[in-house]
N, C-alpha and C. Protein backbone atom coordinates (compact mmCIF):
# COMPACT_ATOMS: atom_id res chain seq x y z
N MET A 1 34.22 -22.31 59.83
CA MET A 1 33.36 -23.04 58.91
C MET A 1 32.31 -22.09 58.37
N ALA A 2 32.10 -22.14 57.07
CA ALA A 2 31.21 -21.21 56.41
C ALA A 2 29.74 -21.44 56.74
N GLY A 3 29.35 -22.66 57.04
CA GLY A 3 27.95 -22.96 57.33
C GLY A 3 27.30 -23.71 56.21
N ALA A 4 26.16 -24.28 56.50
CA ALA A 4 25.48 -25.14 55.52
C ALA A 4 24.46 -24.36 54.71
N LEU A 5 24.31 -24.80 53.49
CA LEU A 5 23.29 -24.29 52.59
C LEU A 5 22.18 -25.32 52.50
N THR A 6 20.96 -24.87 52.42
CA THR A 6 19.83 -25.75 52.14
C THR A 6 19.58 -25.67 50.65
N VAL A 7 19.62 -26.82 49.98
CA VAL A 7 19.57 -26.84 48.52
C VAL A 7 18.46 -27.76 48.02
N ASP A 8 17.71 -27.26 47.04
CA ASP A 8 16.72 -28.07 46.33
C ASP A 8 16.99 -27.91 44.84
N VAL A 9 17.20 -29.03 44.16
CA VAL A 9 17.36 -29.05 42.70
C VAL A 9 16.11 -29.75 42.17
N VAL A 10 15.27 -29.01 41.46
CA VAL A 10 13.99 -29.56 41.04
C VAL A 10 13.77 -29.40 39.54
N ALA A 11 13.12 -30.40 38.98
CA ALA A 11 12.62 -30.35 37.60
C ALA A 11 11.12 -30.09 37.70
N GLN A 12 10.48 -29.91 36.58
CA GLN A 12 9.06 -29.61 36.59
C GLN A 12 8.25 -30.73 37.25
N ASP A 13 8.68 -31.97 37.05
CA ASP A 13 7.89 -33.11 37.51
C ASP A 13 8.45 -33.87 38.70
N ARG A 14 9.64 -33.46 39.21
CA ARG A 14 10.23 -34.22 40.31
C ARG A 14 11.37 -33.44 40.96
N THR A 15 11.71 -33.87 42.17
CA THR A 15 12.88 -33.34 42.86
C THR A 15 14.08 -34.18 42.45
N LEU A 16 15.13 -33.53 41.96
CA LEU A 16 16.34 -34.24 41.55
C LEU A 16 17.26 -34.48 42.73
N TRP A 17 17.32 -33.51 43.64
CA TRP A 17 18.15 -33.65 44.85
C TRP A 17 17.71 -32.60 45.86
N SER A 18 17.76 -32.98 47.13
CA SER A 18 17.42 -32.06 48.20
C SER A 18 18.29 -32.39 49.41
N GLY A 19 18.85 -31.38 50.04
CA GLY A 19 19.67 -31.62 51.22
C GLY A 19 20.48 -30.40 51.58
N THR A 20 21.53 -30.61 52.37
CA THR A 20 22.42 -29.52 52.74
C THR A 20 23.73 -29.68 51.99
N ALA A 21 24.38 -28.56 51.75
CA ALA A 21 25.62 -28.57 50.98
C ALA A 21 26.54 -27.46 51.47
N ASP A 22 27.82 -27.57 51.06
CA ASP A 22 28.82 -26.56 51.40
C ASP A 22 28.90 -25.47 50.33
N ARG A 23 28.67 -25.89 49.07
CA ARG A 23 28.73 -24.92 47.96
C ARG A 23 27.97 -25.46 46.77
N VAL A 24 27.55 -24.53 45.90
CA VAL A 24 26.87 -24.88 44.66
C VAL A 24 27.50 -24.07 43.55
N ILE A 25 27.76 -24.73 42.43
CA ILE A 25 28.29 -24.06 41.24
C ILE A 25 27.31 -24.33 40.11
N ALA A 26 26.89 -23.27 39.43
CA ALA A 26 25.88 -23.40 38.38
C ALA A 26 26.27 -22.57 37.16
N PRO A 27 25.85 -23.01 35.96
CA PRO A 27 26.19 -22.31 34.72
C PRO A 27 25.18 -21.21 34.37
N SER A 28 25.38 -20.01 34.89
CA SER A 28 24.44 -18.93 34.58
C SER A 28 24.69 -18.43 33.16
N VAL A 29 23.73 -17.70 32.63
CA VAL A 29 23.87 -17.19 31.26
C VAL A 29 25.00 -16.17 31.16
N GLU A 30 25.44 -15.62 32.28
CA GLU A 30 26.53 -14.65 32.27
C GLU A 30 27.86 -15.25 32.71
N GLY A 31 27.90 -16.57 32.90
CA GLY A 31 29.11 -17.25 33.33
C GLY A 31 28.83 -18.11 34.54
N GLU A 32 29.79 -18.94 34.89
CA GLU A 32 29.61 -19.84 36.02
C GLU A 32 29.50 -19.04 37.32
N ILE A 33 28.57 -19.45 38.18
CA ILE A 33 28.36 -18.77 39.45
C ILE A 33 28.59 -19.77 40.58
N GLY A 34 29.34 -19.36 41.57
CA GLY A 34 29.58 -20.18 42.76
C GLY A 34 28.93 -19.56 43.96
N LEU A 35 28.21 -20.36 44.72
CA LEU A 35 27.49 -19.85 45.89
C LEU A 35 27.95 -20.56 47.15
N LEU A 36 28.29 -19.78 48.16
CA LEU A 36 28.67 -20.26 49.48
C LEU A 36 27.71 -19.66 50.50
N ALA A 37 27.74 -20.15 51.71
CA ALA A 37 26.89 -19.61 52.77
C ALA A 37 27.11 -18.11 52.92
N ASN A 38 26.04 -17.41 53.24
CA ASN A 38 26.03 -15.97 53.48
C ASN A 38 26.33 -15.11 52.25
N HIS A 39 26.18 -15.70 51.06
CA HIS A 39 26.32 -14.94 49.81
C HIS A 39 25.17 -13.94 49.73
N GLU A 40 25.37 -12.86 49.01
CA GLU A 40 24.28 -11.92 48.83
C GLU A 40 23.18 -12.59 47.99
N PRO A 41 21.93 -12.14 48.12
CA PRO A 41 20.83 -12.76 47.37
C PRO A 41 21.09 -12.70 45.86
N VAL A 42 20.68 -13.79 45.17
CA VAL A 42 20.90 -13.91 43.73
C VAL A 42 19.66 -14.53 43.09
N LEU A 43 19.32 -14.04 41.92
CA LEU A 43 18.34 -14.68 41.05
C LEU A 43 18.95 -14.63 39.66
N ALA A 44 19.21 -15.79 39.06
CA ALA A 44 19.89 -15.82 37.77
C ALA A 44 19.31 -16.91 36.88
N LEU A 45 19.33 -16.65 35.57
CA LEU A 45 18.96 -17.66 34.59
C LEU A 45 20.14 -18.58 34.34
N LEU A 46 19.84 -19.86 34.09
CA LEU A 46 20.88 -20.84 33.82
C LEU A 46 20.84 -21.28 32.37
N ARG A 47 22.02 -21.54 31.83
CA ARG A 47 22.16 -22.05 30.47
C ARG A 47 22.48 -23.54 30.55
N ALA A 48 22.58 -24.18 29.41
CA ALA A 48 22.95 -25.60 29.37
C ALA A 48 24.32 -25.79 30.01
N GLY A 49 24.46 -26.82 30.80
CA GLY A 49 25.72 -27.10 31.46
C GLY A 49 25.51 -28.05 32.63
N THR A 50 26.38 -27.95 33.62
CA THR A 50 26.33 -28.86 34.76
C THR A 50 26.23 -28.08 36.07
N VAL A 51 25.24 -28.42 36.87
CA VAL A 51 25.11 -27.89 38.22
C VAL A 51 25.86 -28.85 39.14
N ARG A 52 26.75 -28.30 39.96
CA ARG A 52 27.53 -29.13 40.89
C ARG A 52 27.20 -28.70 42.33
N VAL A 53 26.80 -29.68 43.13
CA VAL A 53 26.46 -29.45 44.54
C VAL A 53 27.51 -30.19 45.36
N ARG A 54 28.26 -29.45 46.16
CA ARG A 54 29.33 -30.05 46.98
C ARG A 54 28.81 -30.25 48.39
N GLU A 55 28.83 -31.51 48.83
CA GLU A 55 28.36 -31.89 50.16
C GLU A 55 29.50 -32.65 50.83
N GLY A 56 30.30 -31.93 51.63
CA GLY A 56 31.49 -32.55 52.22
C GLY A 56 32.46 -32.98 51.13
N SER A 57 32.83 -34.24 51.13
CA SER A 57 33.76 -34.74 50.11
C SER A 57 33.03 -35.27 48.88
N GLN A 58 31.71 -35.21 48.89
CA GLN A 58 30.90 -35.72 47.79
C GLN A 58 30.42 -34.58 46.90
N THR A 59 30.43 -34.80 45.58
CA THR A 59 29.89 -33.83 44.64
C THR A 59 28.79 -34.48 43.83
N HIS A 60 27.63 -33.83 43.80
CA HIS A 60 26.49 -34.30 43.01
C HIS A 60 26.44 -33.42 41.77
N GLU A 61 26.33 -34.04 40.58
CA GLU A 61 26.32 -33.28 39.33
C GLU A 61 25.02 -33.54 38.58
N PHE A 62 24.48 -32.46 38.00
CA PHE A 62 23.23 -32.53 37.26
C PHE A 62 23.39 -31.80 35.94
N ALA A 63 23.29 -32.53 34.84
CA ALA A 63 23.34 -31.92 33.51
C ALA A 63 21.98 -31.28 33.23
N ILE A 64 22.00 -30.01 32.85
CA ILE A 64 20.74 -29.29 32.60
C ILE A 64 20.76 -28.64 31.23
N GLU A 65 19.55 -28.37 30.73
CA GLU A 65 19.40 -27.65 29.46
C GLU A 65 19.21 -26.16 29.71
N GLN A 66 18.47 -25.84 30.78
CA GLN A 66 18.20 -24.45 31.15
C GLN A 66 17.55 -24.43 32.51
N GLY A 67 17.37 -23.23 33.07
CA GLY A 67 16.69 -23.13 34.35
C GLY A 67 16.96 -21.80 35.03
N PHE A 68 16.83 -21.80 36.36
CA PHE A 68 17.10 -20.61 37.15
C PHE A 68 17.68 -21.04 38.49
N VAL A 69 18.36 -20.12 39.14
CA VAL A 69 18.83 -20.34 40.50
C VAL A 69 18.38 -19.15 41.34
N SER A 70 17.84 -19.47 42.51
CA SER A 70 17.42 -18.45 43.48
C SER A 70 18.18 -18.71 44.77
N PHE A 71 18.81 -17.67 45.32
CA PHE A 71 19.57 -17.80 46.57
C PHE A 71 19.18 -16.67 47.49
N ASP A 72 18.79 -17.01 48.73
CA ASP A 72 18.49 -15.99 49.74
C ASP A 72 18.51 -16.67 51.10
N HIS A 73 19.17 -16.05 52.07
CA HIS A 73 19.24 -16.55 53.45
C HIS A 73 19.71 -18.00 53.52
N ASN A 74 20.75 -18.33 52.75
CA ASN A 74 21.37 -19.66 52.73
C ASN A 74 20.45 -20.77 52.24
N VAL A 75 19.43 -20.39 51.46
CA VAL A 75 18.54 -21.36 50.82
C VAL A 75 18.68 -21.19 49.32
N ILE A 76 19.02 -22.29 48.64
CA ILE A 76 19.19 -22.27 47.19
C ILE A 76 18.13 -23.16 46.56
N THR A 77 17.42 -22.60 45.59
CA THR A 77 16.48 -23.38 44.79
C THR A 77 16.94 -23.30 43.35
N ILE A 78 17.11 -24.46 42.73
CA ILE A 78 17.43 -24.52 41.31
C ILE A 78 16.29 -25.23 40.62
N GLY A 79 15.60 -24.49 39.75
CA GLY A 79 14.55 -25.06 38.92
C GLY A 79 15.15 -25.26 37.55
N CYS A 80 15.05 -26.47 37.01
CA CYS A 80 15.76 -26.73 35.76
C CYS A 80 15.06 -27.74 34.87
N THR A 81 15.47 -27.73 33.62
CA THR A 81 15.11 -28.78 32.67
C THR A 81 16.32 -29.67 32.56
N PRO A 82 16.21 -30.91 33.06
CA PRO A 82 17.37 -31.81 32.99
C PRO A 82 17.70 -32.16 31.54
N ALA A 83 18.99 -32.31 31.26
CA ALA A 83 19.43 -32.76 29.95
C ALA A 83 19.16 -34.25 29.86
N GLU A 84 18.99 -34.73 28.65
CA GLU A 84 18.78 -36.17 28.44
C GLU A 84 19.99 -36.92 28.97
N SER A 85 19.75 -38.04 29.66
CA SER A 85 20.83 -38.79 30.27
C SER A 85 20.46 -40.26 30.32
N ASP A 86 21.47 -41.12 30.27
CA ASP A 86 21.24 -42.56 30.42
C ASP A 86 21.16 -42.93 31.89
N GLU A 87 21.61 -42.02 32.77
CA GLU A 87 21.55 -42.29 34.21
C GLU A 87 20.18 -41.95 34.73
N GLY A 88 19.76 -42.65 35.80
CA GLY A 88 18.44 -42.42 36.37
C GLY A 88 18.37 -41.17 37.05
């Protein structure tokens, strides 16, 4: 088992999601980036697209306009501007 990631997906004014996950896929400006436990440290800018957080058999998706992802020591922080959505 690869191990758990600690993940925080935050907007300027609120936390969108926080918890543990198996993997995170995010739309970086240089292409889609996938992060698993024990990945080398990463700091990347994000473009408009969908951040996907995989937690067991569940996937949480967040449409974003832009942002950044920081990964170090199995802790992922995604700071983003959420895209307009009809969902809460």
